[in-house]
C-alpha atoms as a PDB file:
ATOM      1  CA  MET A   1      57.994 129.948  86.700  1.00  0.00           C
ATOM      2  CA  THR A   2      60.863 129.611  89.164  1.00  0.00           C
ATOM      3  CA  ASP A   3      61.153 133.337  89.762  1.00  0.00           C
ATOM      4  CA  ASP A   4      57.601 133.757  90.975  1.00  0.00           C
ATOM      5  CA  LEU A   5      57.741 131.118  93.728  1.00  0.00           C
ATOM      6  CA  SER A   6      57.764 132.365  97.294  1.00  0.00           C
ATOM      7  CA  ASP A   7      60.125 131.031  99.942  1.00  0.00           C
ATOM      8  CA  LEU A   8      57.149 129.307 101.567  1.00  0.00           C
ATOM      9  CA  GLU A   9      56.231 127.586  98.293  1.00  0.00           C
ATOM     10  CA  ILE A  10      59.809 126.350  97.953  1.00  0.00           C
ATOM     11  CA  ALA A  11      59.683 125.150 101.582  1.00  0.00           C
ATOM     12  CA  VAL A  12      56.532 123.125 100.881  1.00  0.00           C
ATOM     13  CA  LEU A  13      58.117 121.609  97.771  1.00  0.00           C
ATOM     14  CA  CYS A  14      61.125 120.655  99.899  1.00  0.00           C
ATOM     15  CA  ASP A  15      58.845 119.138 102.550  1.00  0.00           C
ATOM     16  CA  LEU A  16      57.212 116.991  99.878  1.00  0.00           C
ATOM     17  CA  LEU A  17      60.560 116.071  98.347  1.00  0.00           C
ATOM     18  CA  GLU A  18      61.727 114.887 101.750  1.00  0.00           C
ATOM     19  CA  ASN A  19      58.501 113.046 102.591  1.00  0.00           C
ATOM     20  CA  SER A  20      55.531 112.691 100.246  1.00  0.00           C
ATOM     21  CA  ARG A  21      53.390 111.936 103.293  1.00  0.00           C
ATOM     22  CA  ALA A  22      54.422 115.148 105.039  1.00  0.00           C
ATOM     23  CA  ASN A  23      51.875 116.379 107.543  1.00  0.00           C
ATOM     24  CA  LEU A  24      51.544 120.015 106.523  1.00  0.00           C
ATOM     25  CA  LYS A  25      50.203 122.602 108.946  1.00  0.00           C
ATOM     26  CA  ALA A  26      47.268 124.780 107.890  1.00  0.00           C
ATOM     27  CA  HIS A  27      49.333 127.644 106.433  1.00  0.00           C
ATOM     28  CA  LYS A  28      51.397 125.220 104.342  1.00  0.00           C
ATOM     29  CA  ARG A  29      48.248 123.373 103.298  1.00  0.00           C
ATOM     30  CA  ALA A  30      46.977 126.594 101.681  1.00  0.00           C
ATOM     31  CA  VAL A  31      50.293 126.891  99.824  1.00  0.00           C
ATOM     32  CA  LEU A  32      49.901 123.295  98.663  1.00  0.00           C
ATOM     33  CA  ASP A  33      46.664 124.289  96.923  1.00  0.00           C
ATOM     34  CA  GLN A  34      48.547 127.064  95.104  1.00  0.00           C
ATOM     35  CA  LEU A  35      51.232 124.611  94.022  1.00  0.00           C
ATOM     36  CA  VAL A  36      48.598 122.219  92.688  1.00  0.00           C
ATOM     37  CA  ALA A  37      47.100 125.089  90.674  1.00  0.00           C
ATOM     38  CA  LYS A  38      50.580 125.839  89.272  1.00  0.00           C
ATOM     39  CA  LYS A  39      50.934 122.132  88.352  1.00  0.00           C
ATOM     40  CA  LEU A  40      54.008 121.757  90.545  1.00  0.00           C
ATOM     41  CA  VAL A  41      52.312 119.229  92.820  1.00  0.00           C
ATOM     42  CA  GLU A  42      49.930 116.469  91.786  1.00  0.00           C
ATOM     43  CA  PRO A  43      48.070 113.600  93.437  1.00  0.00           C
ATOM     44  CA  ALA A  44      50.310 110.582  93.961  1.00  0.00           C
ATOM     45  CA  LYS A  45      49.685 107.870  91.403  1.00  0.00           C
ATOM     46  CA  ASP A  46      49.666 105.081  93.987  1.00  0.00           C
ATOM     47  CA  GLU A  47      47.649 106.969  96.605  1.00  0.00           C
ATOM     48  CA  PRO A  48      45.514 109.884  95.306  1.00  0.00           C
ATOM     49  CA  THR A  49      44.962 111.294  98.805  1.00  0.00           C
ATOM     50  CA  LYS A  50      48.710 112.033  98.994  1.00  0.00           C
ATOM     51  CA  PHE A  51      50.722 114.401  96.821  1.00  0.00           C
ATOM     52  CA  GLN A  52      53.918 114.194  94.818  1.00  0.00           C
ATOM     53  CA  LEU A  53      56.122 116.663  93.005  1.00  0.00           C
ATOM     54  CA  SER A  54      55.613 117.076  89.281  1.00  0.00           C
ATOM     55  CA  ASP A  55      58.563 116.850  86.913  1.00  0.00           C
ATOM     56  CA  GLU A  56      58.514 120.656  86.661  1.00  0.00           C
ATOM     57  CA  ALA A  57      58.786 120.967  90.461  1.00  0.00           C
ATOM     58  CA  ARG A  58      61.738 118.592  90.516  1.00  0.00           C
ATOM     59  CA  HIS A  59      63.380 120.733  87.841  1.00  0.00           C
ATOM     60  CA  VAL A  60      62.707 123.920  89.840  1.00  0.00           C
ATOM     61  CA  LEU A  61      64.348 122.400  92.918  1.00  0.00           C
ATOM     62  CA  ALA A  62      67.276 121.051  90.906  1.00  0.00           C
ATOM     63  CA  VAL A  63      67.925 124.497  89.425  1.00  0.00           C
ATOM     64  CA  ARG A  64      68.031 125.855  92.983  1.00  0.00           C
ATOM     65  CA  GLY A  65      70.421 123.102  94.054  1.00  0.00           C
ATOM     66  CA  VAL A  66      67.965 121.378  96.399  1.00  0.00           C
ATOM     67  CA  GLY A  67      68.783 117.736  96.999  1.00  0.00           C
ATOM     68  CA  ILE A  68      72.425 118.096  95.992  1.00  0.00           C
ATOM     69  CA  SER A  69      74.692 116.894  98.768  1.00  0.00           C
ATOM     70  CA  GLY A  70      78.323 117.762  99.057  1.00  0.00           C
ATOM     71  CA  GLY A  71      78.984 114.887 101.449  1.00  0.00           C
END
């Protein structure tokens, strides 16, 4: 699963990790639909009009070292 993600898909996952209410531009919105289809993004439990990362997406980002700070 992690090998077939594009850089843009990873960027959208990072945007959502940073801010679940991220205002995505049109080209990223299309990528969001792809991520939903891959079950990496799902509707937020508390607000279904917003999106959150699935556990699998969090794992994908962790494997890539996203969110790990050296400071």
